[in-house]
PDB file of N, CA and C in Angstrom:
ATOM      1  N   UNK A   1      -8.642 240.064 -17.629  1.00  0.00           N
ATOM      2  CA  UNK A   1      -8.562 238.729 -16.829  1.00  0.00           C
ATOM      3  C   UNK A   1     -10.175 238.520 -16.409  1.00  0.00           C
ATOM      4  N   UNK A   2     -10.687 237.498 -16.659  1.00  0.00           N
ATOM      5  CA  UNK A   2     -12.123 237.162 -16.131  1.00  0.00           C
ATOM      6  C   UNK A   2     -12.168 237.235 -14.459  1.00  0.00           C
ATOM      7  N   UNK A   3     -13.452 237.631 -13.988  1.00  0.00           N
ATOM      8  CA  UNK A   3     -13.620 237.429 -12.644  1.00  0.00           C
ATOM      9  C   UNK A   3     -13.654 235.914 -12.095  1.00  0.00           C
ATOM     10  N   UNK A   4     -13.336 235.724 -10.842  1.00  0.00           N
ATOM     11  CA  UNK A   4     -13.204 234.260 -10.403  1.00  0.00           C
ATOM     12  C   UNK A   4     -14.452 234.213  -9.767  1.00  0.00           C
ATOM     13  N   UNK A   5     -15.311 232.840  -9.960  1.00  0.00           N
ATOM     14  CA  UNK A   5     -16.480 232.622  -9.300  1.00  0.00           C
ATOM     15  C   UNK A   5     -16.251 232.074  -7.950  1.00  0.00           C
ATOM     16  N   UNK A   6     -17.314 232.050  -7.154  1.00  0.00           N
ATOM     17  CA  UNK A   6     -16.984 231.318  -5.700  1.00  0.00           C
ATOM     18  C   UNK A   6     -17.593 230.035  -6.033  1.00  0.00           C
ATOM     19  N   UNK A   7     -16.667 229.016  -6.021  1.00  0.00           N
ATOM     20  CA  UNK A   7     -17.114 227.393  -6.339  1.00  0.00           C
ATOM     21  C   UNK A   7     -16.710 226.908  -4.944  1.00  0.00           C
ATOM     22  N   UNK A   8     -17.502 225.595  -5.093  1.00  0.00           N
ATOM     23  CA  UNK A   8     -17.120 224.550  -3.842  1.00  0.00           C
ATOM     24  C   UNK A   8     -15.713 224.061  -3.904  1.00  0.00           C
ATOM     25  N   UNK A   9     -15.252 223.720  -2.969  1.00  0.00           N
ATOM     26  CA  UNK A   9     -13.900 223.054  -2.765  1.00  0.00           C
ATOM     27  C   UNK A   9     -13.853 221.791  -3.796  1.00  0.00           C
ATOM     28  N   UNK A  10     -14.865 221.131  -3.740  1.00  0.00           N
ATOM     29  CA  UNK A  10     -14.697 219.675  -4.460  1.00  0.00           C
ATOM     30  C   UNK A  10     -14.653 220.221  -5.966  1.00  0.00           C
ATOM     31  N   UNK A  11     -15.271 221.148  -6.513  1.00  0.00           N
ATOM     32  CA  UNK A  11     -15.241 221.549  -7.959  1.00  0.00           C
ATOM     33  C   UNK A  11     -13.761 222.307  -8.258  1.00  0.00           C
ATOM     34  N   UNK A  12     -13.253 222.922  -7.065  1.00  0.00           N
ATOM     35  CA  UNK A  12     -11.809 223.192  -7.395  1.00  0.00           C
ATOM     36  C   UNK A  12     -10.860 222.292  -7.487  1.00  0.00           C
ATOM     37  N   UNK A  13     -11.043 221.313  -6.830  1.00  0.00           N
ATOM     38  CA  UNK A  13     -10.260 219.936  -6.654  1.00  0.00           C
ATOM     39  C   UNK A  13     -10.195 219.028  -7.909  1.00  0.00           C
ATOM     40  N   UNK A  14     -11.585 219.043  -8.326  1.00  0.00           N
ATOM     41  CA  UNK A  14     -11.756 218.556  -9.684  1.00  0.00           C
ATOM     42  C   UNK A  14     -11.265 219.226 -10.739  1.00  0.00           C
ATOM     43  N   UNK A  15     -11.320 220.494 -10.935  1.00  0.00           N
ATOM     44  CA  UNK A  15     -10.587 221.233 -12.097  1.00  0.00           C
ATOM     45  C   UNK A  15      -9.089 221.118 -12.052  1.00  0.00           C
ATOM     46  N   UNK A  16      -8.377 221.069 -10.706  1.00  0.00           N
ATOM     47  CA  UNK A  16      -7.046 220.711 -10.628  1.00  0.00           C
ATOM     48  C   UNK A  16      -6.709 219.462 -11.143  1.00  0.00           C
ATOM     49  N   UNK A  17      -7.640 218.609 -10.950  1.00  0.00           N
ATOM     50  CA  UNK A  17      -7.261 217.130 -11.357  1.00  0.00           C
ATOM     51  C   UNK A  17      -7.326 217.096 -12.810  1.00  0.00           C
ATOM     52  N   UNK A  18      -8.253 217.764 -13.477  1.00  0.00           N
ATOM     53  CA  UNK A  18      -8.198 218.101 -15.080  1.00  0.00           C
ATOM     54  C   UNK A  18      -7.112 218.355 -15.440  1.00  0.00           C
ATOM     55  N   UNK A  19      -6.384 219.220 -14.756  1.00  0.00           N
ATOM     56  CA  UNK A  19      -5.196 220.121 -15.115  1.00  0.00           C
ATOM     57  C   UNK A  19      -3.807 219.212 -14.859  1.00  0.00           C
ATOM     58  N   UNK A  20      -4.151 218.040 -14.416  1.00  0.00           N
ATOM     59  CA  UNK A  20      -3.095 217.283 -14.067  1.00  0.00           C
ATOM     60  C   UNK A  20      -2.347 216.943 -12.598  1.00  0.00           C
ATOM     61  N   UNK A  21      -3.127 217.698 -11.680  1.00  0.00           N
ATOM     62  CA  UNK A  21      -2.819 217.528 -10.289  1.00  0.00           C
ATOM     63  C   UNK A  21      -3.150 216.499  -9.786  1.00  0.00           C
ATOM     64  N   UNK A  22      -2.857 215.430  -8.641  1.00  0.00           N
ATOM     65  CA  UNK A  22      -3.210 214.458  -8.174  1.00  0.00           C
ATOM     66  C   UNK A  22      -3.237 214.666  -6.625  1.00  0.00           C
ATOM     67  N   UNK A  23      -4.268 214.266  -5.871  1.00  0.00           N
ATOM     68  CA  UNK A  23      -4.298 214.349  -4.430  1.00  0.00           C
ATOM     69  C   UNK A  23      -3.261 213.454  -3.851  1.00  0.00           C
ATOM     70  N   UNK A  24      -2.578 214.125  -2.844  1.00  0.00           N
ATOM     71  CA  UNK A  24      -1.495 213.402  -2.381  1.00  0.00           C
ATOM     72  C   UNK A  24      -1.944 212.723  -0.973  1.00  0.00           C
ATOM     73  N   UNK A  25      -2.469 213.968  -0.264  1.00  0.00           N
ATOM     74  CA  UNK A  25      -2.908 213.600   1.187  1.00  0.00           C
ATOM     75  C   UNK A  25      -4.072 214.373   1.499  1.00  0.00           C
ATOM     76  N   UNK A  26      -4.515 214.152   2.761  1.00  0.00           N
ATOM     77  CA  UNK A  26      -5.436 215.095   3.439  1.00  0.00           C
ATOM     78  C   UNK A  26      -5.000 215.355   4.800  1.00  0.00           C
ATOM     79  N   UNK A  27      -4.793 216.498   5.174  1.00  0.00           N
ATOM     80  CA  UNK A  27      -4.214 216.914   6.463  1.00  0.00           C
ATOM     81  C   UNK A  27      -5.807 217.785   7.207  1.00  0.00           C
ATOM     82  N   UNK A  28      -6.190 217.087   8.082  1.00  0.00           N
ATOM     83  CA  UNK A  28      -7.534 217.536   8.726  1.00  0.00           C
ATOM     84  C   UNK A  28      -8.455 218.069   7.772  1.00  0.00           C
ATOM     85  N   UNK A  29      -8.678 219.321   7.636  1.00  0.00           N
ATOM     86  CA  UNK A  29      -9.684 219.865   6.706  1.00  0.00           C
ATOM     87  C   UNK A  29      -9.021 220.292   5.097  1.00  0.00           C
ATOM     88  N   UNK A  30      -7.912 219.872   5.042  1.00  0.00           N
ATOM     89  CA  UNK A  30      -6.988 220.525   3.770  1.00  0.00           C
ATOM     90  C   UNK A  30      -6.737 219.325   3.040  1.00  0.00           C
ATOM     91  N   UNK A  31      -6.835 219.527   1.577  1.00  0.00           N
ATOM     92  CA  UNK A  31      -6.589 218.504   0.451  1.00  0.00           C
ATOM     93  C   UNK A  31      -5.223 219.077  -0.112  1.00  0.00           C
ATOM     94  N   UNK A  32      -4.071 218.211   0.041  1.00  0.00           N
ATOM     95  CA  UNK A  32      -2.802 218.667  -0.696  1.00  0.00           C
ATOM     96  C   UNK A  32      -2.772 217.815  -2.251  1.00  0.00           C
ATOM     97  N   UNK A  33      -2.606 218.866  -3.057  1.00  0.00           N
ATOM     98  CA  UNK A  33      -2.460 218.360  -4.628  1.00  0.00           C
ATOM     99  C   UNK A  33      -1.107 218.632  -5.021  1.00  0.00           C
ATOM    100  N   UNK A  34      -0.405 217.550  -5.879  1.00  0.00           N
ATOM    101  CA  UNK A  34       0.863 217.919  -6.614  1.00  0.00           C
ATOM    102  C   UNK A  34       0.728 217.390  -7.732  1.00  0.00           C
ATOM    103  N   UNK A  35       1.562 217.977  -8.653  1.00  0.00           N
ATOM    104  CA  UNK A  35       1.803 217.766 -10.299  1.00  0.00           C
ATOM    105  C   UNK A  35       3.365 217.659 -10.444  1.00  0.00           C
ATOM    106  N   UNK A  36       3.749 216.988 -11.287  1.00  0.00           N
ATOM    107  CA  UNK A  36       5.043 217.078 -11.600  1.00  0.00           C
ATOM    108  C   UNK A  36       5.238 217.702 -13.077  1.00  0.00           C
ATOM    109  N   UNK A  37       6.107 218.668 -13.196  1.00  0.00           N
ATOM    110  CA  UNK A  37       6.613 218.958 -14.742  1.00  0.00           C
ATOM    111  C   UNK A  37       7.884 218.898 -15.116  1.00  0.00           C
ATOM    112  N   UNK A  38       8.186 218.939 -16.113  1.00  0.00           N
ATOM    113  CA  UNK A  38       9.656 218.990 -16.581  1.00  0.00           C
ATOM    114  C   UNK A  38       9.878 220.559 -17.037  1.00  0.00           C
ATOM    115  N   UNK A  39      11.047 220.953 -16.500  1.00  0.00           N
ATOM    116  CA  UNK A  39      11.347 222.320 -16.948  1.00  0.00           C
ATOM    117  C   UNK A  39      12.434 222.339 -18.271  1.00  0.00           C
ATOM    118  N   UNK A  40      12.754 223.478 -18.467  1.00  0.00           N
ATOM    119  CA  UNK A  40      13.573 223.693 -19.912  1.00  0.00           C
ATOM    120  C   UNK A  40      14.930 222.873 -19.715  1.00  0.00           C
ATOM    121  N   UNK A  41      15.625 222.619 -18.696  1.00  0.00           N
ATOM    122  CA  UNK A  41      16.714 221.862 -18.279  1.00  0.00           C
ATOM    123  C   UNK A  41      16.367 220.506 -18.113  1.00  0.00           C
ATOM    124  N   UNK A  42      15.342 220.022 -18.465  1.00  0.00           N
ATOM    125  CA  UNK A  42      14.782 218.564 -18.327  1.00  0.00           C
ATOM    126  C   UNK A  42      15.021 218.109 -16.878  1.00  0.00           C
ATOM    127  N   UNK A  43      14.771 219.013 -15.789  1.00  0.00           N
ATOM    128  CA  UNK A  43      14.514 218.555 -14.556  1.00  0.00           C
ATOM    129  C   UNK A  43      13.179 218.507 -14.265  1.00  0.00           C
ATOM    130  N   UNK A  44      12.803 217.597 -13.234  1.00  0.00           N
ATOM    131  CA  UNK A  44      11.507 217.394 -12.621  1.00  0.00           C
ATOM    132  C   UNK A  44      11.242 218.331 -11.554  1.00  0.00           C
ATOM    133  N   UNK A  45      10.335 218.965 -11.666  1.00  0.00           N
ATOM    134  CA  UNK A  45       9.715 219.831 -10.598  1.00  0.00           C
ATOM    135  C   UNK A  45       8.540 219.525 -10.099  1.00  0.00           C
ATOM    136  N   UNK A  46       8.353 219.521  -8.947  1.00  0.00           N
ATOM    137  CA  UNK A  46       6.956 219.348  -8.197  1.00  0.00           C
ATOM    138  C   UNK A  46       6.317 220.499  -7.664  1.00  0.00           C
ATOM    139  N   UNK A  47       4.946 220.885  -8.221  1.00  0.00           N
ATOM    140  CA  UNK A  47       4.372 221.894  -7.756  1.00  0.00           C
ATOM    141  C   UNK A  47       3.223 221.224  -6.832  1.00  0.00           C
ATOM    142  N   UNK A  48       3.131 222.240  -5.828  1.00  0.00           N
ATOM    143  CA  UNK A  48       1.895 221.578  -4.871  1.00  0.00           C
ATOM    144  C   UNK A  48       0.974 222.903  -4.584  1.00  0.00           C
ATOM    145  N   UNK A  49      -0.206 222.343  -4.185  1.00  0.00           N
ATOM    146  CA  UNK A  49      -1.098 223.334  -3.470  1.00  0.00           C
ATOM    147  C   UNK A  49      -2.175 222.794  -2.502  1.00  0.00           C
ATOM    148  N   UNK A  50      -2.686 223.588  -1.690  1.00  0.00           N
ATOM    149  CA  UNK A  50      -3.450 223.197  -0.629  1.00  0.00           C
ATOM    150  C   UNK A  50      -5.000 223.798  -0.884  1.00  0.00           C
ATOM    151  N   UNK A  51      -5.987 223.071  -0.815  1.00  0.00           N
ATOM    152  CA  UNK A  51      -7.164 223.269  -0.921  1.00  0.00           C
ATOM    153  C   UNK A  51      -8.146 223.275   0.369  1.00  0.00           C
ATOM    154  N   UNK A  52      -8.620 224.225   1.026  1.00  0.00           N
ATOM    155  CA  UNK A  52      -9.480 223.916   2.317  1.00  0.00           C
ATOM    156  C   UNK A  52     -10.772 223.282   2.018  1.00  0.00           C
ATOM    157  N   UNK A  53     -11.259 222.473   3.086  1.00  0.00           N
ATOM    158  CA  UNK A  53     -12.523 222.002   2.749  1.00  0.00           C
ATOM    159  C   UNK A  53     -13.458 222.534   3.813  1.00  0.00           C
ATOM    160  N   UNK A  54     -12.951 223.425   4.520  1.00  0.00           N
ATOM    161  CA  UNK A  54     -13.961 223.626   5.933  1.00  0.00           C
ATOM    162  C   UNK A  54     -15.000 224.831   5.701  1.00  0.00           C
ATOM    163  N   UNK A  55     -15.378 225.244   4.392  1.00  0.00           N
ATOM    164  CA  UNK A  55     -16.428 225.983   4.177  1.00  0.00           C
ATOM    165  C   UNK A  55     -17.246 225.682   2.890  1.00  0.00           C
ATOM    166  N   UNK A  56     -18.262 225.940   2.771  1.00  0.00           N
ATOM    167  CA  UNK A  56     -19.069 225.572   1.398  1.00  0.00           C
ATOM    168  C   UNK A  56     -18.661 225.968   0.250  1.00  0.00           C
ATOM    169  N   UNK A  57     -18.104 227.192   0.235  1.00  0.00           N
ATOM    170  CA  UNK A  57     -17.351 227.517  -1.115  1.00  0.00           C
ATOM    171  C   UNK A  57     -16.010 228.152  -0.808  1.00  0.00           C
ATOM    172  N   UNK A  58     -15.205 228.204  -1.654  1.00  0.00           N
ATOM    173  CA  UNK A  58     -13.792 228.914  -1.633  1.00  0.00           C
ATOM    174  C   UNK A  58     -14.025 230.357  -1.791  1.00  0.00           C
ATOM    175  N   UNK A  59     -13.324 231.147  -0.962  1.00  0.00           N
ATOM    176  CA  UNK A  59     -13.490 232.307  -1.121  1.00  0.00           C
ATOM    177  C   UNK A  59     -12.505 232.844  -2.494  1.00  0.00           C
ATOM    178  N   UNK A  60     -12.991 233.902  -3.047  1.00  0.00           N
ATOM    179  CA  UNK A  60     -12.256 234.485  -4.129  1.00  0.00           C
ATOM    180  C   UNK A  60     -10.756 234.694  -3.911  1.00  0.00           C
ATOM    181  N   UNK A  61     -10.472 235.184  -2.731  1.00  0.00           N
ATOM    182  CA  UNK A  61      -9.087 235.679  -2.711  1.00  0.00           C
ATOM    183  C   UNK A  61      -8.129 234.182  -2.444  1.00  0.00           C
ATOM    184  N   UNK A  62      -8.777 233.324  -1.599  1.00  0.00           N
ATOM    185  CA  UNK A  62      -8.176 232.052  -1.338  1.00  0.00           C
ATOM    186  C   UNK A  62      -8.038 231.266  -2.759  1.00  0.00           C
ATOM    187  N   UNK A  63      -9.054 231.260  -3.397  1.00  0.00           N
ATOM    188  CA  UNK A  63      -8.877 230.559  -4.809  1.00  0.00           C
ATOM    189  C   UNK A  63      -7.603 231.369  -5.497  1.00  0.00           C
ATOM    190  N   UNK A  64      -7.661 232.512  -5.561  1.00  0.00           N
ATOM    191  CA  UNK A  64      -6.378 233.308  -6.311  1.00  0.00           C
ATOM    192  C   UNK A  64      -5.252 232.825  -5.970  1.00  0.00           C
ATOM    193  N   UNK A  65      -5.084 232.581  -4.663  1.00  0.00           N
ATOM    194  CA  UNK A  65      -3.949 232.058  -3.660  1.00  0.00           C
ATOM    195  C   UNK A  65      -3.656 230.704  -4.209  1.00  0.00           C
ATOM    196  N   UNK A  66      -4.649 229.751  -4.347  1.00  0.00           N
ATOM    197  CA  UNK A  66      -4.405 228.545  -4.727  1.00  0.00           C
ATOM    198  C   UNK A  66      -3.970 228.315  -6.087  1.00  0.00           C
ATOM    199  N   UNK A  67      -4.660 229.305  -6.913  1.00  0.00           N
ATOM    200  CA  UNK A  67      -4.153 228.904  -8.630  1.00  0.00           C
ATOM    201  C   UNK A  67      -2.765 229.637  -8.529  1.00  0.00           C
ATOM    202  N   UNK A  68      -2.326 230.637  -7.668  1.00  0.00           N
ATOM    203  CA  UNK A  68      -0.911 231.008  -7.788  1.00  0.00           C
ATOM    204  C   UNK A  68       0.215 230.010  -7.380  1.00  0.00           C
ATOM    205  N   UNK A  69      -0.341 229.301  -6.190  1.00  0.00           N
ATOM    206  CA  UNK A  69       0.591 228.201  -5.843  1.00  0.00           C
ATOM    207  C   UNK A  69       0.683 227.232  -7.000  1.00  0.00           C
ATOM    208  N   UNK A  70      -0.489 226.956  -7.679  1.00  0.00           N
ATOM    209  CA  UNK A  70      -0.500 225.805  -8.560  1.00  0.00           C
ATOM    210  C   UNK A  70       0.078 226.305  -9.822  1.00  0.00           C
ATOM    211  N   UNK A  71       0.328 227.301 -10.035  1.00  0.00           N
ATOM    212  CA  UNK A  71       0.769 228.009 -11.165  1.00  0.00           C
ATOM    213  C   UNK A  71      -0.159 228.028 -12.494  1.00  0.00           C
ATOM    214  N   UNK A  72      -1.339 228.166 -12.202  1.00  0.00           N
ATOM    215  CA  UNK A  72      -2.565 227.937 -13.189  1.00  0.00           C
ATOM    216  C   UNK A  72      -3.074 229.343 -13.233  1.00  0.00           C
ATOM    217  N   UNK A  73      -3.441 229.575 -14.504  1.00  0.00           N
ATOM    218  CA  UNK A  73      -3.983 231.055 -14.822  1.00  0.00           C
ATOM    219  C   UNK A  73      -5.463 230.870 -14.598  1.00  0.00           C
ATOM    220  N   UNK A  74      -6.009 232.017 -14.418  1.00  0.00           N
ATOM    221  CA  UNK A  74      -7.477 232.077 -14.174  1.00  0.00           C
ATOM    222  C   UNK A  74      -8.264 231.499 -15.537  1.00  0.00           C
ATOM    223  N   UNK A  75      -7.606 231.890 -16.808  1.00  0.00           N
ATOM    224  CA  UNK A  75      -8.501 231.311 -17.932  1.00  0.00           C
ATOM    225  C   UNK A  75      -8.321 229.889 -17.795  1.00  0.00           C
ATOM    226  N   UNK A  76      -7.394 229.421 -17.503  1.00  0.00           N
ATOM    227  CA  UNK A  76      -7.014 227.875 -17.632  1.00  0.00           C
ATOM    228  C   UNK A  76      -7.934 227.024 -16.573  1.00  0.00           C
ATOM    229  N   UNK A  77      -7.963 227.768 -15.305  1.00  0.00           N
ATOM    230  CA  UNK A  77      -8.955 227.049 -14.569  1.00  0.00           C
ATOM    231  C   UNK A  77     -10.296 227.248 -14.782  1.00  0.00           C
ATOM    232  N   UNK A  78     -10.704 228.542 -15.431  1.00  0.00           N
ATOM    233  CA  UNK A  78     -12.219 228.483 -16.021  1.00  0.00           C
ATOM    234  C   UNK A  78     -12.622 227.456 -16.857  1.00  0.00           C
ATOM    235  N   UNK A  79     -11.587 227.347 -17.802  1.00  0.00           N
ATOM    236  CA  UNK A  79     -11.871 226.277 -18.816  1.00  0.00           C
ATOM    237  C   UNK A  79     -11.930 224.894 -18.158  1.00  0.00           C
ATOM    238  N   UNK A  80     -11.322 224.614 -17.252  1.00  0.00           N
ATOM    239  CA  UNK A  80     -11.192 223.153 -16.586  1.00  0.00           C
ATOM    240  C   UNK A  80     -12.541 223.056 -15.859  1.00  0.00           C
ATOM    241  N   UNK A  81     -13.208 224.088 -15.328  1.00  0.00           N
ATOM    242  CA  UNK A  81     -14.460 223.652 -14.496  1.00  0.00           C
ATOM    243  C   UNK A  81     -15.474 222.958 -15.070  1.00  0.00           C
TER     244      UNK A  81
END
C-alpha cells in the first residue's frame, strides 16, 4: 500500500468529488460530503464523510480516517488527486 501524502483539505475535497461525492453542507470548519451507491440487493445506501478545514494540510491519520469513512482505497484516492 502506498504512503498517503499530506495534502490540503481543498485537494481532498476535490479528489472525493471526482470519486462521486457531493458537498452536502458545511458545519463550522468541517465539510460534509455524501455519495449514494446501490448495493447487491438494489438498495440505495448513502455514504458520508467529514473533511476538516481548520489546518493547512490534513494529517495523514485524519486522511486515512476520512478514506475509511468514505470507503475509498488509498490507490483510488491517489489516482483521483
